[in-house]
Amino acid sequence: MIWYILIALLMILFTWILFAPVIMQVDTDRQKYRVMLPGVLSAQVVPSEDLFYIRAWIFFIPVKFNPFLVKRKDRVKDTSEKRKKKRRFRGGTRKIRSLLGALHVRRLDLDLDTDDVVLNAWLVPAMAAANRNENIDLRVNFEGNLFMYLDLRTRLGLLLWIFLTKR
């Protein structure tokens, strides 16, 4: 009986991971860069003296990871290892188009200055044409400001389906 309950809980967790939204938020104004799978995983890049570190919560258990901290392993590498074959990405424009279609932009605010007056002037009509969606607000300024807020959502099950079915 206990095994049935454990298997049922694992199946529910697996289903949740496949169909729950994966949320990616980028806010350059507040320096928040975050990826979440609600209830399962949350990871955030936090600025620090070393540049940044990653703070994550896996099933509400906090984990701190510093990618710049090198752990030394005193083992000798065998130089007679065979060369590994490079794998190439097999997919075409259909798969890339499907992957981009699986990403849903909930909100995008971009305030951009490229420090080139001519390029900024060329970008003004392009940004105005891209602003037809109510969730997207793209602006060009000539004051030196750079700001982006992006809220992007997708589902892991949808991405897995695209990788398995699209050729």
N, C-alpha and C. Protein backbone atom coordinates (compact mmCIF):
# COMPACT_ATOMS: atom_id res chain seq x y z
N MET A 1 0.82 -1.20 0.00
CA MET A 1 0.00 0.00 0.00
C MET A 1 0.87 1.26 0.00
N ILE A 2 1.95 1.22 0.77
CA ILE A 2 2.84 2.38 0.85
C ILE A 2 3.51 2.60 -0.51
N TRP A 3 3.85 1.49 -1.20
CA TRP A 3 4.48 1.63 -2.51
C TRP A 3 3.55 2.30 -3.51
N TYR A 4 2.27 1.99 -3.45
CA TYR A 4 1.30 2.63 -4.35
C TYR A 4 1.22 4.13 -4.09
N ILE A 5 1.25 4.49 -2.83
CA ILE A 5 1.20 5.92 -2.48
C ILE A 5 2.46 6.63 -2.95
N LEU A 6 3.64 6.02 -2.76
CA LEU A 6 4.89 6.63 -3.21
C LEU A 6 4.95 6.75 -4.73
N ILE A 7 4.50 5.72 -5.43
CA ILE A 7 4.49 5.77 -6.89
C ILE A 7 3.51 6.84 -7.38
N ALA A 8 2.35 6.94 -6.73
CA ALA A 8 1.38 7.95 -7.10
C ALA A 8 1.93 9.36 -6.86
N LEU A 9 2.61 9.56 -5.74
CA LEU A 9 3.22 10.87 -5.46
C LEU A 9 4.31 11.21 -6.46
N LEU A 10 5.12 10.23 -6.84
CA LEU A 10 6.15 10.48 -7.85
C LEU A 10 5.54 10.81 -9.21
N MET A 11 4.47 10.14 -9.56
CA MET A 11 3.79 10.43 -10.83
C MET A 11 3.16 11.82 -10.81
N ILE A 12 2.59 12.22 -9.69
CA ILE A 12 2.04 13.57 -9.57
C ILE A 12 3.14 14.61 -9.68
N LEU A 13 4.28 14.36 -9.02
CA LEU A 13 5.41 15.29 -9.10
C LEU A 13 5.94 15.39 -10.54
N PHE A 14 6.07 14.26 -11.20
CA PHE A 14 6.56 14.25 -12.59
C PHE A 14 5.59 15.00 -13.50
N THR A 15 4.29 14.79 -13.31
CA THR A 15 3.29 15.50 -14.10
C THR A 15 3.34 16.99 -13.83
N TRP A 16 3.54 17.37 -12.58
CA TRP A 16 3.65 18.79 -12.22
C TRP A 16 4.86 19.42 -12.90
N ILE A 17 5.99 18.71 -12.90
CA ILE A 17 7.20 19.24 -13.53
C ILE A 17 6.99 19.43 -15.03
N LEU A 18 6.26 18.52 -15.67
CA LEU A 18 6.05 18.63 -17.11
C LEU A 18 5.07 19.74 -17.49
N PHE A 19 4.02 19.94 -16.69
CA PHE A 19 2.96 20.86 -17.10
C PHE A 19 2.93 22.18 -16.34
N ALA A 20 3.74 22.36 -15.32
CA ALA A 20 3.80 23.63 -14.60
C ALA A 20 4.58 24.65 -15.44
N PRO A 21 4.25 25.91 -15.33
CA PRO A 21 4.98 26.91 -16.12
C PRO A 21 6.39 27.13 -15.58
N VAL A 22 7.32 27.26 -16.50
CA VAL A 22 8.69 27.66 -16.16
C VAL A 22 8.75 29.15 -16.40
N ILE A 23 9.11 29.90 -15.36
CA ILE A 23 9.09 31.36 -15.42
C ILE A 23 10.52 31.88 -15.40
N MET A 24 10.85 32.73 -16.36
CA MET A 24 12.16 33.37 -16.39
C MET A 24 11.93 34.88 -16.33
N GLN A 25 12.53 35.53 -15.33
CA GLN A 25 12.38 36.97 -15.18
C GLN A 25 13.75 37.63 -15.18
N VAL A 26 13.86 38.70 -15.96
CA VAL A 26 15.08 39.49 -16.03
C VAL A 26 14.68 40.94 -15.77
N ASP A 27 15.26 41.54 -14.74
CA ASP A 27 14.99 42.94 -14.41
C ASP A 27 16.34 43.62 -14.18
N THR A 28 16.80 44.37 -15.17
CA THR A 28 18.12 44.98 -15.06
C THR A 28 18.12 46.19 -14.15
N ASP A 29 16.97 46.80 -13.91
CA ASP A 29 16.89 47.96 -13.03
C ASP A 29 17.16 47.55 -11.58
N ARG A 30 16.58 46.44 -11.14
CA ARG A 30 16.78 45.95 -9.77
C ARG A 30 17.83 44.84 -9.70
N GLN A 31 18.45 44.51 -10.81
CA GLN A 31 19.45 43.46 -10.93
C GLN A 31 18.90 42.13 -10.41
N LYS A 32 17.74 41.72 -10.91
CA LYS A 32 17.14 40.44 -10.57
C LYS A 32 17.09 39.58 -11.82
N TYR A 33 17.70 38.42 -11.72
CA TYR A 33 17.72 37.45 -12.80
C TYR A 33 17.29 36.13 -12.18
N ARG A 34 16.15 35.59 -12.63
CA ARG A 34 15.54 34.50 -11.89
C ARG A 34 14.85 33.50 -12.82
N VAL A 35 14.95 32.21 -12.46
CA VAL A 35 14.26 31.12 -13.15
C VAL A 35 13.50 30.34 -12.09
N MET A 36 12.21 30.06 -12.36
CA MET A 36 11.38 29.37 -11.36
C MET A 36 10.57 28.27 -12.01
N LEU A 37 10.41 27.19 -11.29
CA LEU A 37 9.42 26.16 -11.55
C LEU A 37 8.65 26.07 -10.24
N PRO A 38 7.49 26.75 -10.15
CA PRO A 38 6.82 26.94 -8.86
C PRO A 38 6.62 25.64 -8.09
N GLY A 39 7.02 25.67 -6.83
CA GLY A 39 6.87 24.52 -5.95
C GLY A 39 8.01 23.54 -6.01
N VAL A 40 8.85 23.61 -7.04
CA VAL A 40 9.92 22.64 -7.20
C VAL A 40 11.29 23.31 -7.14
N LEU A 41 11.49 24.35 -7.94
CA LEU A 41 12.81 24.95 -8.08
C LEU A 41 12.69 26.45 -8.27
N SER A 42 13.59 27.17 -7.66
CA SER A 42 13.72 28.60 -7.89
C SER A 42 15.21 28.93 -7.81
N ALA A 43 15.74 29.57 -8.83
CA ALA A 43 17.15 29.95 -8.86
C ALA A 43 17.26 31.42 -9.21
N GLN A 44 18.17 32.09 -8.50
CA GLN A 44 18.33 33.52 -8.68
C GLN A 44 19.81 33.86 -8.71
N VAL A 45 20.21 34.75 -9.63
CA VAL A 45 21.58 35.24 -9.69
C VAL A 45 21.66 36.48 -8.81
N VAL A 46 22.59 36.46 -7.84
CA VAL A 46 22.72 37.55 -6.89
C VAL A 46 24.08 38.21 -7.08
N PRO A 47 24.15 39.53 -7.32
CA PRO A 47 25.43 40.21 -7.47
C PRO A 47 26.21 40.19 -6.15
N SER A 48 27.54 40.06 -6.25
CA SER A 48 28.40 40.05 -5.06
C SER A 48 29.76 40.61 -5.43
N GLU A 49 30.72 40.48 -4.52
CA GLU A 49 32.06 41.00 -4.76
C GLU A 49 32.77 40.23 -5.87
N ASP A 50 32.51 38.93 -5.97
CA ASP A 50 33.16 38.09 -6.97
C ASP A 50 32.51 38.21 -8.34
N LEU A 51 31.53 38.99 -8.52
CA LEU A 51 30.72 39.22 -9.70
C LEU A 51 29.30 38.76 -9.42
N PHE A 52 29.09 37.47 -9.13
CA PHE A 52 27.76 37.00 -8.76
C PHE A 52 27.86 35.60 -8.15
N TYR A 53 26.80 35.18 -7.49
CA TYR A 53 26.64 33.80 -7.07
C TYR A 53 25.19 33.41 -7.30
N ILE A 54 24.92 32.12 -7.26
CA ILE A 54 23.59 31.61 -7.55
C ILE A 54 22.97 31.09 -6.26
N ARG A 55 21.77 31.60 -5.98
CA ARG A 55 21.01 31.16 -4.82
C ARG A 55 19.80 30.41 -5.33
N ALA A 56 19.61 29.18 -4.85
CA ALA A 56 18.53 28.34 -5.36
C ALA A 56 17.76 27.73 -4.19
N TRP A 57 16.52 27.39 -4.48
CA TRP A 57 15.69 26.66 -3.54
C TRP A 57 15.15 25.45 -4.29
N ILE A 58 15.48 24.26 -3.81
CA ILE A 58 14.98 23.03 -4.39
C ILE A 58 14.08 22.38 -3.35
N PHE A 59 12.79 22.31 -3.64
CA PHE A 59 11.79 21.83 -2.69
C PHE A 59 11.92 22.56 -1.35
N PHE A 60 12.05 23.86 -1.38
CA PHE A 60 12.12 24.75 -0.22
C PHE A 60 13.39 24.54 0.61
N ILE A 61 14.41 23.91 0.06
CA ILE A 61 15.69 23.75 0.72
C ILE A 61 16.66 24.73 0.07
N PRO A 62 17.22 25.69 0.83
CA PRO A 62 18.10 26.69 0.22
C PRO A 62 19.47 26.10 -0.13
N VAL A 63 19.97 26.49 -1.31
CA VAL A 63 21.28 26.07 -1.78
C VAL A 63 21.98 27.31 -2.32
N LYS A 64 23.25 27.48 -1.96
CA LYS A 64 24.04 28.61 -2.46
C LYS A 64 25.21 28.04 -3.25
N PHE A 65 25.41 28.56 -4.47
CA PHE A 65 26.44 28.05 -5.36
C PHE A 65 27.24 29.21 -5.90
N ASN A 66 28.56 29.14 -5.73
CA ASN A 66 29.45 30.16 -6.27
C ASN A 66 30.21 29.55 -7.45
N PRO A 67 29.91 29.95 -8.69
CA PRO A 67 30.58 29.33 -9.84
C PRO A 67 32.05 29.71 -9.97
N PHE A 68 32.50 30.73 -9.25
CA PHE A 68 33.88 31.16 -9.35
C PHE A 68 34.78 30.51 -8.30
N LEU A 69 34.21 29.75 -7.40
CA LEU A 69 34.97 29.04 -6.39
C LEU A 69 35.44 27.72 -6.99
N VAL A 70 36.74 27.59 -7.18
CA VAL A 70 37.29 26.42 -7.84
C VAL A 70 37.65 25.39 -6.78
N LYS A 71 37.12 24.19 -6.95
CA LYS A 71 37.48 23.10 -6.05
C LYS A 71 38.62 22.34 -6.70
N ARG A 72 39.69 22.15 -5.93
CA ARG A 72 40.87 21.48 -6.47
C ARG A 72 40.74 19.99 -6.26
N LYS A 73 40.97 19.28 -7.30
CA LYS A 73 40.99 17.82 -7.23
C LYS A 73 42.37 17.38 -7.66
N ASP A 74 43.03 16.67 -6.79
CA ASP A 74 44.39 16.22 -7.07
C ASP A 74 44.36 14.84 -7.71
N ARG A 75 44.00 14.82 -8.95
CA ARG A 75 44.05 13.56 -9.68
C ARG A 75 44.74 13.81 -11.01
N VAL A 76 45.40 12.82 -11.44
CA VAL A 76 46.18 12.92 -12.67
C VAL A 76 45.30 12.50 -13.83
N LYS A 77 45.28 13.32 -14.85
CA LYS A 77 44.49 13.01 -16.03
C LYS A 77 45.28 12.09 -16.95
N ASP A 78 44.60 11.13 -17.48
CA ASP A 78 45.22 10.21 -18.42
C ASP A 78 45.27 10.88 -19.78
N THR A 79 46.47 11.00 -20.34
CA THR A 79 46.62 11.69 -21.62
C THR A 79 46.31 10.78 -22.81
N SER A 80 46.09 9.51 -22.55
CA SER A 80 45.81 8.60 -23.66
C SER A 80 44.32 8.42 -23.91
N GLU A 81 43.52 9.36 -23.44
CA GLU A 81 42.08 9.27 -23.66
C GLU A 81 41.76 9.46 -25.14
N LYS A 82 40.74 8.76 -25.57
CA LYS A 82 40.31 8.91 -26.95
C LYS A 82 39.58 10.24 -27.09
N ARG A 83 39.70 10.81 -28.25
CA ARG A 83 39.00 12.06 -28.50
C ARG A 83 37.51 11.80 -28.62
N LYS A 84 36.76 12.67 -28.01
CA LYS A 84 35.32 12.55 -28.08
C LYS A 84 34.82 13.16 -29.37
N LYS A 85 33.81 12.53 -29.93
CA LYS A 85 33.23 13.06 -31.16
C LYS A 85 32.35 14.25 -30.81
N LYS A 86 32.43 15.25 -31.64
CA LYS A 86 31.58 16.42 -31.44
C LYS A 86 30.20 16.12 -31.99
N ARG A 87 29.20 16.46 -31.21
CA ARG A 87 27.83 16.28 -31.66
C ARG A 87 27.32 17.59 -32.22
N ARG A 88 26.70 17.48 -33.35
CA ARG A 88 26.15 18.67 -33.97
C ARG A 88 24.66 18.73 -33.68
N PHE A 89 24.14 19.93 -33.63
CA PHE A 89 22.72 20.14 -33.41
C PHE A 89 21.98 19.73 -34.68
N ARG A 90 21.13 18.75 -34.54
CA ARG A 90 20.34 18.31 -35.69
C ARG A 90 18.95 18.90 -35.57
N GLY A 91 18.67 19.80 -36.39
CA GLY A 91 17.36 20.45 -36.39
C GLY A 91 17.37 21.53 -37.44
N GLY A 92 16.25 21.94 -37.81
CA GLY A 92 16.19 22.95 -38.84
C GLY A 92 15.42 24.15 -38.38
N THR A 93 14.99 24.91 -39.34
CA THR A 93 14.26 26.12 -39.01
C THR A 93 12.90 25.79 -38.42
N ARG A 94 12.32 24.63 -38.77
CA ARG A 94 11.02 24.26 -38.21
C ARG A 94 11.12 24.04 -36.70
N LYS A 95 12.19 23.38 -36.26
CA LYS A 95 12.36 23.14 -34.83
C LYS A 95 12.63 24.45 -34.09
N ILE A 96 13.44 25.31 -34.66
CA ILE A 96 13.73 26.59 -34.01
C ILE A 96 12.48 27.45 -33.95
N ARG A 97 11.70 27.46 -35.03
CA ARG A 97 10.45 28.22 -35.04
C ARG A 97 9.47 27.67 -34.00
N SER A 98 9.41 26.35 -33.86
CA SER A 98 8.53 25.75 -32.85
C SER A 98 9.00 26.08 -31.44
N LEU A 99 10.33 26.07 -31.22
CA LEU A 99 10.86 26.43 -29.91
C LEU A 99 10.56 27.88 -29.57
N LEU A 100 10.70 28.77 -30.53
CA LEU A 100 10.38 30.17 -30.28
C LEU A 100 8.89 30.37 -30.07
N GLY A 101 8.07 29.57 -30.73
CA GLY A 101 6.63 29.64 -30.53
C GLY A 101 6.19 29.11 -29.18
N ALA A 102 7.02 28.26 -28.57
CA ALA A 102 6.69 27.71 -27.25
C ALA A 102 6.99 28.70 -26.13
N LEU A 103 7.76 29.74 -26.41
CA LEU A 103 8.09 30.75 -25.42
C LEU A 103 7.04 31.84 -25.47
N HIS A 104 6.42 32.13 -24.35
CA HIS A 104 5.38 33.15 -24.30
C HIS A 104 5.90 34.35 -23.50
N VAL A 105 5.95 35.49 -24.15
CA VAL A 105 6.39 36.71 -23.50
C VAL A 105 5.19 37.31 -22.79
N ARG A 106 5.23 37.27 -21.47
CA ARG A 106 4.14 37.87 -20.71
C ARG A 106 4.32 39.38 -20.65
N ARG A 107 5.57 39.83 -20.52
CA ARG A 107 5.83 41.27 -20.49
C ARG A 107 7.27 41.53 -20.92
N LEU A 108 7.45 42.53 -21.76
CA LEU A 108 8.78 42.95 -22.18
C LEU A 108 8.80 44.47 -22.23
N ASP A 109 9.62 45.06 -21.39
CA ASP A 109 9.87 46.50 -21.41
C ASP A 109 11.34 46.69 -21.71
N LEU A 110 11.64 47.47 -22.73
CA LEU A 110 13.01 47.73 -23.11
C LEU A 110 13.17 49.21 -23.38
N ASP A 111 14.11 49.83 -22.69
CA ASP A 111 14.46 51.23 -22.90
C ASP A 111 15.94 51.22 -23.27
N LEU A 112 16.26 51.56 -24.49
CA LEU A 112 17.58 51.31 -25.04
C LEU A 112 18.22 52.58 -25.55
N ASP A 113 19.53 52.71 -25.29
CA ASP A 113 20.36 53.73 -25.90
C ASP A 113 21.65 53.07 -26.31
N THR A 114 21.97 53.12 -27.60
CA THR A 114 23.16 52.43 -28.12
C THR A 114 24.40 53.33 -28.13
N ASP A 115 24.27 54.56 -27.69
CA ASP A 115 25.35 55.56 -27.73
C ASP A 115 25.76 55.93 -29.16
N ASP A 116 24.93 55.60 -30.11
CA ASP A 116 25.15 55.99 -31.51
C ASP A 116 23.85 56.66 -31.97
N VAL A 117 23.91 57.94 -32.23
CA VAL A 117 22.72 58.71 -32.55
C VAL A 117 22.06 58.22 -33.83
N VAL A 118 22.86 57.87 -34.82
CA VAL A 118 22.31 57.41 -36.09
C VAL A 118 21.60 56.06 -35.92
N LEU A 119 22.22 55.15 -35.19
CA LEU A 119 21.59 53.85 -34.95
C LEU A 119 20.32 54.00 -34.12
N ASN A 120 20.34 54.87 -33.13
CA ASN A 120 19.13 55.13 -32.35
C ASN A 120 18.01 55.67 -33.24
N ALA A 121 18.35 56.55 -34.16
CA ALA A 121 17.34 57.10 -35.07
C ALA A 121 16.78 56.01 -35.99
N TRP A 122 17.61 55.08 -36.41
CA TRP A 122 17.13 53.98 -37.23
C TRP A 122 16.26 53.02 -36.42
N LEU A 123 16.54 52.88 -35.13
CA LEU A 123 15.78 51.95 -34.29
C LEU A 123 14.40 52.46 -33.89
N VAL A 124 14.19 53.77 -33.93
CA VAL A 124 12.90 54.34 -33.50
C VAL A 124 11.73 53.77 -34.30
N PRO A 125 11.74 53.76 -35.64
CA PRO A 125 10.59 53.18 -36.35
C PRO A 125 10.47 51.66 -36.19
N ALA A 126 11.61 50.97 -36.04
CA ALA A 126 11.55 49.52 -35.84
C ALA A 126 10.91 49.19 -34.50
N MET A 127 11.26 49.94 -33.47
CA MET A 127 10.66 49.73 -32.15
C MET A 127 9.18 50.10 -32.16
N ALA A 128 8.82 51.13 -32.87
CA ALA A 128 7.41 51.52 -32.95
C ALA A 128 6.59 50.45 -33.66
N ALA A 129 7.16 49.80 -34.66
CA ALA A 129 6.45 48.73 -35.36
C ALA A 129 6.30 47.49 -34.48
N ALA A 130 7.27 47.25 -33.61
CA ALA A 130 7.21 46.08 -32.73
C ALA A 130 6.28 46.29 -31.55
N ASN A 131 5.85 47.51 -31.28
CA ASN A 131 5.00 47.81 -30.13
C ASN A 131 3.53 47.52 -30.37
N ARG A 132 3.18 46.80 -31.38
CA ARG A 132 1.76 46.54 -31.66
C ARG A 132 1.16 45.57 -30.66
N ASN A 133 1.97 44.78 -29.99
CA ASN A 133 1.48 43.87 -28.96
C ASN A 133 1.36 44.64 -27.66
N GLU A 134 0.31 44.39 -26.89
CA GLU A 134 0.09 45.14 -25.65
C GLU A 134 1.06 44.74 -24.55
N ASN A 135 1.70 43.57 -24.65
CA ASN A 135 2.64 43.13 -23.62
C ASN A 135 4.06 43.60 -23.88
N ILE A 136 4.30 44.18 -25.03
CA ILE A 136 5.66 44.58 -25.41
C ILE A 136 5.72 46.10 -25.50
N ASP A 137 6.69 46.68 -24.81
CA ASP A 137 6.90 48.12 -24.84
C ASP A 137 8.38 48.38 -25.09
N LEU A 138 8.73 48.73 -26.32
CA LEU A 138 10.11 48.99 -26.71
C LEU A 138 10.29 50.47 -26.98
N ARG A 139 11.32 51.04 -26.39
CA ARG A 139 11.58 52.47 -26.55
C ARG A 139 13.07 52.69 -26.83
N VAL A 140 13.35 53.76 -27.53
CA VAL A 140 14.72 54.20 -27.78
C VAL A 140 14.86 55.57 -27.16
N ASN A 141 15.93 55.76 -26.38
CA ASN A 141 16.17 57.08 -25.81
C ASN A 141 17.53 57.57 -26.25
N PHE A 142 17.75 58.84 -26.07
CA PHE A 142 19.02 59.46 -26.42
C PHE A 142 19.71 60.01 -25.18
N GLU A 143 19.37 59.45 -24.01
CA GLU A 143 19.87 59.96 -22.74
C GLU A 143 20.87 59.03 -22.06
N GLY A 144 21.16 57.89 -22.62
CA GLY A 144 22.12 56.96 -22.03
C GLY A 144 21.50 55.93 -21.10
N ASN A 145 20.18 55.84 -21.05
CA ASN A 145 19.52 54.87 -20.17
C ASN A 145 19.46 53.51 -20.85
N LEU A 146 19.62 52.45 -20.04
CA LEU A 146 19.48 51.09 -20.53
C LEU A 146 18.71 50.32 -19.47
N PHE A 147 17.54 49.82 -19.84
CA PHE A 147 16.67 49.12 -18.91
C PHE A 147 15.94 48.02 -19.66
N MET A 148 15.82 46.86 -19.03
CA MET A 148 15.03 45.77 -19.61
C MET A 148 14.31 45.01 -18.51
N TYR A 149 13.04 44.73 -18.74
CA TYR A 149 12.28 43.83 -17.88
C TYR A 149 11.64 42.80 -18.79
N LEU A 150 11.93 41.52 -18.53
CA LEU A 150 11.41 40.44 -19.35
C LEU A 150 10.78 39.39 -18.45
N ASP A 151 9.55 39.02 -18.75
CA ASP A 151 8.86 37.93 -18.07
C ASP A 151 8.48 36.93 -19.15
N LEU A 152 9.20 35.80 -19.18
CA LEU A 152 9.06 34.80 -20.22
C LEU A 152 8.59 33.49 -19.59
N ARG A 153 7.63 32.82 -20.22
CA ARG A 153 7.08 31.59 -19.66
C ARG A 153 7.00 30.51 -20.72
N THR A 154 7.18 29.28 -20.28
CA THR A 154 7.03 28.11 -21.12
C THR A 154 6.74 26.91 -20.24
N ARG A 155 6.57 25.76 -20.83
CA ARG A 155 6.34 24.52 -20.09
C ARG A 155 7.36 23.48 -20.56
N LEU A 156 7.92 22.73 -19.60
CA LEU A 156 8.92 21.73 -19.95
C LEU A 156 8.34 20.63 -20.82
N GLY A 157 7.09 20.25 -20.57
CA GLY A 157 6.46 19.23 -21.38
C GLY A 157 6.33 19.64 -22.83
N LEU A 158 6.02 20.90 -23.08
CA LEU A 158 5.92 21.41 -24.44
C LEU A 158 7.27 21.41 -25.12
N LEU A 159 8.33 21.82 -24.41
CA LEU A 159 9.67 21.80 -25.00
C LEU A 159 10.11 20.38 -25.29
N LEU A 160 9.82 19.45 -24.39
CA LEU A 160 10.16 18.05 -24.61
C LEU A 160 9.41 17.49 -25.82
N TRP A 161 8.14 17.85 -25.96
CA TRP A 161 7.34 17.39 -27.10
C TRP A 161 7.92 17.92 -28.42
N ILE A 162 8.37 19.17 -28.42
CA ILE A 162 8.94 19.75 -29.63
C ILE A 162 10.24 19.04 -29.99
N PHE A 163 11.10 18.77 -29.00
CA PHE A 163 12.35 18.09 -29.29
C PHE A 163 12.13 16.67 -29.78
N LEU A 164 11.10 16.01 -29.30
CA LEU A 164 10.85 14.62 -29.70
C LEU A 164 10.15 14.49 -31.04
N THR A 165 9.29 15.45 -31.39
CA THR A 165 8.47 15.26 -32.59
C THR A 165 8.96 16.04 -33.81
N LYS A 166 9.48 17.22 -33.65
CA LYS A 166 9.87 18.04 -34.80
C LYS A 166 11.20 17.55 -35.37
N ARG A 167 11.27 17.48 -36.66
CA ARG A 167 12.50 17.03 -37.34
C ARG A 167 13.12 18.15 -38.11
